């Protein structure tokens, strides 16, 4: 069971590193200027779709299912970030 926890921690570390690297690249594009933020978002979505198709092919998965899951993840992340930006945060359950 310890190996599973170690694998999960490693995946979380990889996810954080990849997310931060991508975020920094996007912020550099925004700072340079000349590219509308909406265009950057569309480009990122296109690249995510292409990478999802590659992952499906390499993993022997159904591309429609994988891309559908990717779309759901993007939607959930966007809604969560939007709520954070608006100061709504995530609802807290239980006793504080």
PDB file of N, CA and C in Angstrom:
ATOM      1  N   UNK A   1       0.820  -1.185   0.000  1.00  0.00           N
ATOM      2  CA  UNK A   1       0.000   0.000   0.000  1.00  0.00           C
ATOM      3  C   UNK A   1       0.867   1.254   0.000  1.00  0.00           C
ATOM      4  N   UNK A   2       2.045   1.208   0.618  1.00  0.00           N
ATOM      5  CA  UNK A   2       2.938   2.349   0.642  1.00  0.00           C
ATOM      6  C   UNK A   2       3.376   2.747  -0.746  1.00  0.00           C
ATOM      7  N   UNK A   3       3.538   1.754  -1.613  1.00  0.00           N
ATOM      8  CA  UNK A   3       3.938   2.033  -2.988  1.00  0.00           C
ATOM      9  C   UNK A   3       2.861   2.811  -3.728  1.00  0.00           C
ATOM     10  N   UNK A   4       1.593   2.491  -3.465  1.00  0.00           N
ATOM     11  CA  UNK A   4       0.491   3.206  -4.106  1.00  0.00           C
ATOM     12  C   UNK A   4       0.490   4.666  -3.672  1.00  0.00           C
ATOM     13  N   UNK A   5       0.705   4.910  -2.381  1.00  0.00           N
ATOM     14  CA  UNK A   5       0.765   6.281  -1.862  1.00  0.00           C
ATOM     15  C   UNK A   5       1.947   7.028  -2.483  1.00  0.00           C
ATOM     16  N   UNK A   6       3.082   6.342  -2.621  1.00  0.00           N
ATOM     17  CA  UNK A   6       4.262   6.970  -3.219  1.00  0.00           C
ATOM     18  C   UNK A   6       3.991   7.306  -4.683  1.00  0.00           C
ATOM     19  N   UNK A   7       3.312   6.408  -5.384  1.00  0.00           N
ATOM     20  CA  UNK A   7       2.957   6.664  -6.781  1.00  0.00           C
ATOM     21  C   UNK A   7       2.019   7.857  -6.894  1.00  0.00           C
ATOM     22  N   UNK A   8       1.041   7.938  -5.989  1.00  0.00           N
ATOM     23  CA  UNK A   8       0.099   9.061  -5.996  1.00  0.00           C
ATOM     24  C   UNK A   8       0.819  10.375  -5.727  1.00  0.00           C
ATOM     25  N   UNK A   9       1.744  10.362  -4.768  1.00  0.00           N
ATOM     26  CA  UNK A   9       2.513  11.576  -4.461  1.00  0.00           C
ATOM     27  C   UNK A   9       3.356  11.986  -5.664  1.00  0.00           C
ATOM     28  N   UNK A  10       3.944  11.005  -6.340  1.00  0.00           N
ATOM     29  CA  UNK A  10       4.758  11.307  -7.511  1.00  0.00           C
ATOM     30  C   UNK A  10       3.905  11.892  -8.630  1.00  0.00           C
ATOM     31  N   UNK A  11       2.714  11.336  -8.835  1.00  0.00           N
ATOM     32  CA  UNK A  11       1.811  11.879  -9.846  1.00  0.00           C
ATOM     33  C   UNK A  11       1.370  13.297  -9.490  1.00  0.00           C
ATOM     34  N   UNK A  12       1.094  13.545  -8.217  1.00  0.00           N
ATOM     35  CA  UNK A  12       0.718  14.893  -7.773  1.00  0.00           C
ATOM     36  C   UNK A  12       1.869  15.868  -8.016  1.00  0.00           C
ATOM     37  N   UNK A  13       3.096  15.437  -7.719  1.00  0.00           N
ATOM     38  CA  UNK A  13       4.268  16.279  -7.938  1.00  0.00           C
ATOM     39  C   UNK A  13       4.428  16.585  -9.427  1.00  0.00           C
ATOM     40  N   UNK A  14       4.257  15.570 -10.260  1.00  0.00           N
ATOM     41  CA  UNK A  14       4.361  15.769 -11.702  1.00  0.00           C
ATOM     42  C   UNK A  14       3.272  16.721 -12.203  1.00  0.00           C
ATOM     43  N   UNK A  15       2.054  16.546 -11.691  1.00  0.00           N
ATOM     44  CA  UNK A  15       0.937  17.405 -12.088  1.00  0.00           C
ATOM     45  C   UNK A  15       1.221  18.847 -11.713  1.00  0.00           C
ATOM     46  N   UNK A  16       1.707  19.072 -10.497  1.00  0.00           N
ATOM     47  CA  UNK A  16       2.021  20.424 -10.038  1.00  0.00           C
ATOM     48  C   UNK A  16       3.108  21.033 -10.915  1.00  0.00           C
ATOM     49  N   UNK A  17       4.177  20.271 -11.189  1.00  0.00           N
ATOM     50  CA  UNK A  17       5.287  20.783 -11.997  1.00  0.00           C
ATOM     51  C   UNK A  17       4.822  21.132 -13.413  1.00  0.00           C
ATOM     52  N   UNK A  18       4.030  20.251 -14.017  1.00  0.00           N
ATOM     53  CA  UNK A  18       3.537  20.514 -15.371  1.00  0.00           C
ATOM     54  C   UNK A  18       2.605  21.716 -15.388  1.00  0.00           C
ATOM     55  N   UNK A  19       1.711  21.808 -14.401  1.00  0.00           N
ATOM     56  CA  UNK A  19       0.772  22.926 -14.329  1.00  0.00           C
ATOM     57  C   UNK A  19       1.514  24.245 -14.184  1.00  0.00           C
ATOM     58  N   UNK A  20       2.481  24.295 -13.285  1.00  0.00           N
ATOM     59  CA  UNK A  20       3.233  25.531 -13.067  1.00  0.00           C
ATOM     60  C   UNK A  20       4.039  25.925 -14.301  1.00  0.00           C
ATOM     61  N   UNK A  21       4.624  24.950 -14.984  1.00  0.00           N
ATOM     62  CA  UNK A  21       5.406  25.238 -16.188  1.00  0.00           C
ATOM     63  C   UNK A  21       4.512  25.802 -17.288  1.00  0.00           C
ATOM     64  N   UNK A  22       3.346  25.192 -17.476  1.00  0.00           N
ATOM     65  CA  UNK A  22       2.407  25.691 -18.483  1.00  0.00           C
ATOM     66  C   UNK A  22       1.889  27.075 -18.118  1.00  0.00           C
ATOM     67  N   UNK A  23       1.562  27.274 -16.841  1.00  0.00           N
ATOM     68  CA  UNK A  23       1.068  28.572 -16.382  1.00  0.00           C
ATOM     69  C   UNK A  23       2.107  29.670 -16.622  1.00  0.00           C
ATOM     70  N   UNK A  24       3.365  29.387 -16.322  1.00  0.00           N
ATOM     71  CA  UNK A  24       4.439  30.360 -16.538  1.00  0.00           C
ATOM     72  C   UNK A  24       4.575  30.704 -18.022  1.00  0.00           C
ATOM     73  N   UNK A  25       4.464  29.702 -18.900  1.00  0.00           N
ATOM     74  CA  UNK A  25       4.560  29.950 -20.338  1.00  0.00           C
ATOM     75  C   UNK A  25       3.428  30.852 -20.816  1.00  0.00           C
ATOM     76  N   UNK A  26       2.230  30.596 -20.331  1.00  0.00           N
ATOM     77  CA  UNK A  26       1.079  31.415 -20.712  1.00  0.00           C
ATOM     78  C   UNK A  26       1.245  32.842 -20.194  1.00  0.00           C
ATOM     79  N   UNK A  27       1.691  32.987 -18.962  1.00  0.00           N
ATOM     80  CA  UNK A  27       1.897  34.324 -18.406  1.00  0.00           C
ATOM     81  C   UNK A  27       2.964  35.096 -19.186  1.00  0.00           C
ATOM     82  N   UNK A  28       4.003  34.400 -19.655  1.00  0.00           N
ATOM     83  CA  UNK A  28       5.014  35.059 -20.500  1.00  0.00           C
ATOM     84  C   UNK A  28       4.383  35.566 -21.790  1.00  0.00           C
ATOM     85  N   UNK A  29       3.526  34.768 -22.398  1.00  0.00           N
ATOM     86  CA  UNK A  29       2.836  35.197 -23.617  1.00  0.00           C
ATOM     87  C   UNK A  29       1.989  36.432 -23.362  1.00  0.00           C
ATOM     88  N   UNK A  30       1.304  36.442 -22.233  1.00  0.00           N
ATOM     89  CA  UNK A  30       0.463  37.586 -21.893  1.00  0.00           C
ATOM     90  C   UNK A  30       1.302  38.844 -21.647  1.00  0.00           C
ATOM     91  N   UNK A  31       2.454  38.683 -20.990  1.00  0.00           N
ATOM     92  CA  UNK A  31       3.320  39.834 -20.718  1.00  0.00           C
ATOM     93  C   UNK A  31       3.918  40.412 -21.984  1.00  0.00           C
ATOM     94  N   UNK A  32       4.276  39.548 -22.923  1.00  0.00           N
ATOM     95  CA  UNK A  32       4.868  40.008 -24.180  1.00  0.00           C
ATOM     96  C   UNK A  32       3.868  40.856 -24.945  1.00  0.00           C
ATOM     97  N   UNK A  33       2.602  40.467 -24.866  1.00  0.00           N
ATOM     98  CA  UNK A  33       1.547  41.212 -25.544  1.00  0.00           C
ATOM     99  C   UNK A  33       1.444  40.836 -27.013  1.00  0.00           C
ATOM    100  N   UNK A  34       0.477  41.423 -27.654  1.00  0.00           N
ATOM    101  CA  UNK A  34       0.280  41.162 -29.074  1.00  0.00           C
ATOM    102  C   UNK A  34      -0.593  39.959 -29.371  1.00  0.00           C
ATOM    103  N   UNK A  35      -0.887  39.171 -28.352  1.00  0.00           N
ATOM    104  CA  UNK A  35      -1.765  38.014 -28.521  1.00  0.00           C
ATOM    105  C   UNK A  35      -2.910  38.171 -27.530  1.00  0.00           C
ATOM    106  N   UNK A  36      -4.130  38.191 -28.041  1.00  0.00           N
ATOM    107  CA  UNK A  36      -5.292  38.328 -27.183  1.00  0.00           C
ATOM    108  C   UNK A  36      -5.393  37.134 -26.235  1.00  0.00           C
ATOM    109  N   UNK A  37      -5.781  37.367 -24.982  1.00  0.00           N
ATOM    110  CA  UNK A  37      -5.934  36.257 -24.036  1.00  0.00           C
ATOM    111  C   UNK A  37      -6.878  35.170 -24.547  1.00  0.00           C
ATOM    112  N   UNK A  38      -7.948  35.563 -25.234  1.00  0.00           N
ATOM    113  CA  UNK A  38      -8.894  34.572 -25.762  1.00  0.00           C
ATOM    114  C   UNK A  38      -8.220  33.652 -26.776  1.00  0.00           C
ATOM    115  N   UNK A  39      -7.290  34.201 -27.560  1.00  0.00           N
ATOM    116  CA  UNK A  39      -6.570  33.396 -28.553  1.00  0.00           C
ATOM    117  C   UNK A  39      -5.654  32.401 -27.844  1.00  0.00           C
ATOM    118  N   UNK A  40      -5.029  32.844 -26.764  1.00  0.00           N
ATOM    119  CA  UNK A  40      -4.168  31.944 -25.994  1.00  0.00           C
ATOM    120  C   UNK A  40      -4.994  30.802 -25.419  1.00  0.00           C
ATOM    121  N   UNK A  41      -6.188  31.109 -24.911  1.00  0.00           N
ATOM    122  CA  UNK A  41      -7.063  30.073 -24.354  1.00  0.00           C
ATOM    123  C   UNK A  41      -7.448  29.069 -25.440  1.00  0.00           C
ATOM    124  N   UNK A  42      -7.815  29.565 -26.607  1.00  0.00           N
ATOM    125  CA  UNK A  42      -8.183  28.658 -27.705  1.00  0.00           C
ATOM    126  C   UNK A  42      -6.999  27.800 -28.128  1.00  0.00           C
ATOM    127  N   UNK A  43      -5.814  28.390 -28.177  1.00  0.00           N
ATOM    128  CA  UNK A  43      -4.616  27.628 -28.541  1.00  0.00           C
ATOM    129  C   UNK A  43      -4.330  26.549 -27.496  1.00  0.00           C
ATOM    130  N   UNK A  44      -4.471  26.907 -26.222  1.00  0.00           N
ATOM    131  CA  UNK A  44      -4.239  25.931 -25.152  1.00  0.00           C
ATOM    132  C   UNK A  44      -5.245  24.778 -25.236  1.00  0.00           C
ATOM    133  N   UNK A  45      -6.496  25.110 -25.526  1.00  0.00           N
ATOM    134  CA  UNK A  45      -7.516  24.066 -25.666  1.00  0.00           C
ATOM    135  C   UNK A  45      -7.191  23.152 -26.841  1.00  0.00           C
ATOM    136  N   UNK A  46      -6.731  23.735 -27.925  1.00  0.00           N
ATOM    137  CA  UNK A  46      -6.374  22.926 -29.097  1.00  0.00           C
ATOM    138  C   UNK A  46      -5.229  21.974 -28.771  1.00  0.00           C
ATOM    139  N   UNK A  47      -4.199  22.505 -28.113  1.00  0.00           N
ATOM    140  CA  UNK A  47      -3.052  21.672 -27.743  1.00  0.00           C
ATOM    141  C   UNK A  47      -3.483  20.576 -26.770  1.00  0.00           C
ATOM    142  N   UNK A  48      -4.363  20.922 -25.806  1.00  0.00           N
ATOM    143  CA  UNK A  48      -4.859  19.914 -24.864  1.00  0.00           C
ATOM    144  C   UNK A  48      -5.595  18.800 -25.608  1.00  0.00           C
ATOM    145  N   UNK A  49      -6.403  19.168 -26.585  1.00  0.00           N
ATOM    146  CA  UNK A  49      -7.109  18.161 -27.377  1.00  0.00           C
ATOM    147  C   UNK A  49      -6.156  17.273 -28.160  1.00  0.00           C
ATOM    148  N   UNK A  50      -5.146  17.892 -28.751  1.00  0.00           N
ATOM    149  CA  UNK A  50      -4.154  17.112 -29.506  1.00  0.00           C
ATOM    150  C   UNK A  50      -3.402  16.157 -28.590  1.00  0.00           C
ATOM    151  N   UNK A  51      -3.027  16.656 -27.414  1.00  0.00           N
ATOM    152  CA  UNK A  51      -2.306  15.803 -26.467  1.00  0.00           C
ATOM    153  C   UNK A  51      -3.213  14.692 -25.946  1.00  0.00           C
ATOM    154  N   UNK A  52      -4.505  14.994 -25.749  1.00  0.00           N
ATOM    155  CA  UNK A  52      -5.448  13.971 -25.331  1.00  0.00           C
ATOM    156  C   UNK A  52      -5.581  12.871 -26.373  1.00  0.00           C
ATOM    157  N   UNK A  53      -5.633  13.266 -27.641  1.00  0.00           N
ATOM    158  CA  UNK A  53      -5.721  12.273 -28.719  1.00  0.00           C
ATOM    159  C   UNK A  53      -4.469  11.399 -28.747  1.00  0.00           C
ATOM    160  N   UNK A  54      -3.304  12.017 -28.545  1.00  0.00           N
ATOM    161  CA  UNK A  54      -2.060  11.247 -28.494  1.00  0.00           C
ATOM    162  C   UNK A  54      -2.064  10.278 -27.318  1.00  0.00           C
ATOM    163  N   UNK A  55      -2.514  10.755 -26.147  1.00  0.00           N
ATOM    164  CA  UNK A  55      -2.553   9.907 -24.961  1.00  0.00           C
ATOM    165  C   UNK A  55      -3.499   8.722 -25.168  1.00  0.00           C
ATOM    166  N   UNK A  56      -4.646   8.972 -25.815  1.00  0.00           N
ATOM    167  CA  UNK A  56      -5.595   7.891 -26.081  1.00  0.00           C
ATOM    168  C   UNK A  56      -4.972   6.845 -26.996  1.00  0.00           C
ATOM    169  N   UNK A  57      -4.306   7.300 -28.024  1.00  0.00           N
ATOM    170  CA  UNK A  57      -3.669   6.376 -28.967  1.00  0.00           C
ATOM    171  C   UNK A  57      -2.586   5.556 -28.274  1.00  0.00           C
ATOM    172  N   UNK A  58      -1.724   6.235 -27.508  1.00  0.00           N
ATOM    173  CA  UNK A  58      -0.623   5.550 -26.824  1.00  0.00           C
ATOM    174  C   UNK A  58      -1.130   4.600 -25.755  1.00  0.00           C
ATOM    175  N   UNK A  59      -2.235   4.974 -25.073  1.00  0.00           N
ATOM    176  CA  UNK A  59      -2.761   4.145 -24.000  1.00  0.00           C
ATOM    177  C   UNK A  59      -3.785   3.122 -24.456  1.00  0.00           C
ATOM    178  N   UNK A  60      -4.085   3.096 -25.753  1.00  0.00           N
ATOM    179  CA  UNK A  60      -5.072   2.155 -26.266  1.00  0.00           C
ATOM    180  C   UNK A  60      -6.481   2.448 -25.770  1.00  0.00           C
ATOM    181  N   UNK A  61      -6.756   3.721 -25.466  1.00  0.00           N
ATOM    182  CA  UNK A  61      -8.061   4.118 -24.955  1.00  0.00           C
ATOM    183  C   UNK A  61      -8.926   4.670 -26.077  1.00  0.00           C
ATOM    184  N   UNK A  62     -10.227   4.718 -25.821  1.00  0.00           N
ATOM    185  CA  UNK A  62     -11.160   5.296 -26.779  1.00  0.00           C
ATOM    186  C   UNK A  62     -10.989   6.816 -26.764  1.00  0.00           C
ATOM    187  N   UNK A  63     -10.700   7.387 -27.917  1.00  0.00           N
ATOM    188  CA  UNK A  63     -10.411   8.820 -27.987  1.00  0.00           C
ATOM    189  C   UNK A  63     -11.621   9.668 -27.613  1.00  0.00           C
ATOM    190  N   UNK A  64     -12.827   9.251 -27.991  1.00  0.00           N
ATOM    191  CA  UNK A  64     -14.034  10.003 -27.641  1.00  0.00           C
ATOM    192  C   UNK A  64     -14.215  10.081 -26.122  1.00  0.00           C
ATOM    193  N   UNK A  65     -14.029   8.957 -25.450  1.00  0.00           N
ATOM    194  CA  UNK A  65     -14.178   8.945 -23.991  1.00  0.00           C
ATOM    195  C   UNK A  65     -13.119   9.813 -23.323  1.00  0.00           C
ATOM    196  N   UNK A  66     -11.876   9.663 -23.762  1.00  0.00           N
ATOM    197  CA  UNK A  66     -10.804  10.431 -23.145  1.00  0.00           C
ATOM    198  C   UNK A  66     -11.003  11.925 -23.360  1.00  0.00           C
ATOM    199  N   UNK A  67     -11.383  12.324 -24.564  1.00  0.00           N
ATOM    200  CA  UNK A  67     -11.594  13.751 -24.830  1.00  0.00           C
ATOM    201  C   UNK A  67     -12.816  14.275 -24.080  1.00  0.00           C
ATOM    202  N   UNK A  68     -13.816  13.436 -23.898  1.00  0.00           N
ATOM    203  CA  UNK A  68     -14.971  13.831 -23.090  1.00  0.00           C
ATOM    204  C   UNK A  68     -14.580  14.069 -21.640  1.00  0.00           C
ATOM    205  N   UNK A  69     -13.740  13.192 -21.095  1.00  0.00           N
ATOM    206  CA  UNK A  69     -13.252  13.374 -19.730  1.00  0.00           C
ATOM    207  C   UNK A  69     -12.407  14.641 -19.631  1.00  0.00           C
ATOM    208  N   UNK A  70     -11.589  14.882 -20.646  1.00  0.00           N
ATOM    209  CA  UNK A  70     -10.764  16.092 -20.676  1.00  0.00           C
ATOM    210  C   UNK A  70     -11.640  17.340 -20.664  1.00  0.00           C
ATOM    211  N   UNK A  71     -12.704  17.331 -21.450  1.00  0.00           N
ATOM    212  CA  UNK A  71     -13.617  18.481 -21.483  1.00  0.00           C
ATOM    213  C   UNK A  71     -14.271  18.701 -20.119  1.00  0.00           C
ATOM    214  N   UNK A  72     -14.652  17.618 -19.446  1.00  0.00           N
ATOM    215  CA  UNK A  72     -15.258  17.738 -18.116  1.00  0.00           C
ATOM    216  C   UNK A  72     -14.263  18.303 -17.107  1.00  0.00           C
ATOM    217  N   UNK A  73     -13.017  17.862 -17.174  1.00  0.00           N
ATOM    218  CA  UNK A  73     -11.975  18.358 -16.272  1.00  0.00           C
ATOM    219  C   UNK A  73     -11.732  19.843 -16.519  1.00  0.00           C
ATOM    220  N   UNK A  74     -11.673  20.247 -17.791  1.00  0.00           N
ATOM    221  CA  UNK A  74     -11.457  21.656 -18.126  1.00  0.00           C
ATOM    222  C   UNK A  74     -12.616  22.512 -17.617  1.00  0.00           C
ATOM    223  N   UNK A  75     -13.826  22.023 -17.776  1.00  0.00           N
ATOM    224  CA  UNK A  75     -15.005  22.765 -17.314  1.00  0.00           C
ATOM    225  C   UNK A  75     -14.981  22.931 -15.800  1.00  0.00           C
ATOM    226  N   UNK A  76     -14.728  21.841 -15.089  1.00  0.00           N
ATOM    227  CA  UNK A  76     -14.701  21.890 -13.622  1.00  0.00           C
ATOM    228  C   UNK A  76     -13.589  22.821 -13.130  1.00  0.00           C
ATOM    229  N   UNK A  77     -12.418  22.743 -13.735  1.00  0.00           N
ATOM    230  CA  UNK A  77     -11.306  23.604 -13.331  1.00  0.00           C
ATOM    231  C   UNK A  77     -11.637  25.067 -13.599  1.00  0.00           C
ATOM    232  N   UNK A  78     -12.254  25.345 -14.735  1.00  0.00           N
ATOM    233  CA  UNK A  78     -12.632  26.715 -15.059  1.00  0.00           C
ATOM    234  C   UNK A  78     -13.667  27.273 -14.106  1.00  0.00           C
ATOM    235  N   UNK A  79     -14.667  26.484 -13.783  1.00  0.00           N
ATOM    236  CA  UNK A  79     -15.699  26.943 -12.849  1.00  0.00           C
ATOM    237  C   UNK A  79     -15.125  27.161 -11.453  1.00  0.00           C
ATOM    238  N   UNK A  80     -14.251  26.266 -11.018  1.00  0.00           N
ATOM    239  CA  UNK A  80     -13.626  26.409  -9.708  1.00  0.00           C
ATOM    240  C   UNK A  80     -12.763  27.672  -9.661  1.00  0.00           C
ATOM    241  N   UNK A  81     -11.980  27.896 -10.709  1.00  0.00           N
ATOM    242  CA  UNK A  81     -11.109  29.077 -10.741  1.00  0.00           C
ATOM    243  C   UNK A  81     -11.944  30.356 -10.818  1.00  0.00           C
ATOM    244  N   UNK A  82     -13.014  30.326 -11.576  1.00  0.00           N
ATOM    245  CA  UNK A  82     -13.897  31.488 -11.681  1.00  0.00           C
ATOM    246  C   UNK A  82     -14.468  31.841 -10.307  1.00  0.00           C
ATOM    247  N   UNK A  83     -14.914  30.833  -9.570  1.00  0.00           N
ATOM    248  CA  UNK A  83     -15.443  31.073  -8.230  1.00  0.00           C
ATOM    249  C   UNK A  83     -14.366  31.651  -7.320  1.00  0.00           C
ATOM    250  N   UNK A  84     -13.150  31.159  -7.448  1.00  0.00           N
ATOM    251  CA  UNK A  84     -12.043  31.676  -6.640  1.00  0.00           C
ATOM    252  C   UNK A  84     -11.769  33.133  -6.984  1.00  0.00           C
ATOM    253  N   UNK A  85     -11.755  33.454  -8.276  1.00  0.00           N
ATOM    254  CA  UNK A  85     -11.503  34.824  -8.703  1.00  0.00           C
ATOM    255  C   UNK A  85     -12.581  35.778  -8.197  1.00  0.00           C
ATOM    256  N   UNK A  86     -13.798  35.288  -8.120  1.00  0.00           N
ATOM    257  CA  UNK A  86     -14.911  36.116  -7.633  1.00  0.00           C
ATOM    258  C   UNK A  86     -14.960  36.166  -6.117  1.00  0.00           C
ATOM    259  N   UNK A  87     -14.051  35.455  -5.464  1.00  0.00           N
ATOM    260  CA  UNK A  87     -14.004  35.470  -4.011  1.00  0.00           C
ATOM    261  C   UNK A  87     -14.997  34.549  -3.362  1.00  0.00           C
ATOM    262  N   UNK A  88     -15.580  33.668  -4.150  1.00  0.00           N
ATOM    263  CA  UNK A  88     -16.578  32.755  -3.608  1.00  0.00           C
ATOM    264  C   UNK A  88     -15.922  31.536  -2.988  1.00  0.00           C
ATOM    265  N   UNK A  89     -14.780  31.143  -3.530  1.00  0.00           N
ATOM    266  CA  UNK A  89     -14.095  29.962  -3.006  1.00  0.00           C
ATOM    267  C   UNK A  89     -14.968  28.727  -3.081  1.00  0.00           C
ATOM    268  N   UNK A  90     -14.539  27.707  -2.410  1.00  0.00           N
ATOM    269  CA  UNK A  90     -15.299  26.462  -2.382  1.00  0.00           C
ATOM    270  C   UNK A  90     -16.119  26.408  -1.096  1.00  0.00           C
ATOM    271  N   UNK A  91     -17.311  25.855  -1.170  1.00  0.00           N
ATOM    272  CA  UNK A  91     -18.122  25.764   0.050  1.00  0.00           C
ATOM    273  C   UNK A  91     -17.429  24.882   1.090  1.00  0.00           C
ATOM    274  N   UNK A  92     -17.519  25.283   2.327  1.00  0.00           N
ATOM    275  CA  UNK A  92     -16.914  24.524   3.419  1.00  0.00           C
ATOM    276  C   UNK A  92     -18.016  23.698   4.074  1.00  0.00           C
ATOM    277  N   UNK A  93     -17.727  22.419   4.304  1.00  0.00           N
ATOM    278  CA  UNK A  93     -18.699  21.556   4.944  1.00  0.00           C
ATOM    279  C   UNK A  93     -18.171  21.150   6.307  1.00  0.00           C
ATOM    280  N   UNK A  94     -19.057  20.785   7.189  1.00  0.00           N
ATOM    281  CA  UNK A  94     -18.657  20.343   8.512  1.00  0.00           C
ATOM    282  C   UNK A  94     -18.431  21.507   9.447  1.00  0.00           C
ATOM    283  N   UNK A  95     -17.835  21.218  10.567  1.00  0.00           N
ATOM    284  CA  UNK A  95     -17.579  22.232  11.582  1.00  0.00           C
ATOM    285  C   UNK A  95     -16.215  22.857  11.357  1.00  0.00           C
ATOM    286  N   UNK A  96     -16.136  24.159  11.492  1.00  0.00           N
ATOM    287  CA  UNK A  96     -14.856  24.852  11.329  1.00  0.00           C
ATOM    288  C   UNK A  96     -14.197  25.080  12.663  1.00  0.00           C
TER     289      UNK A  96
END
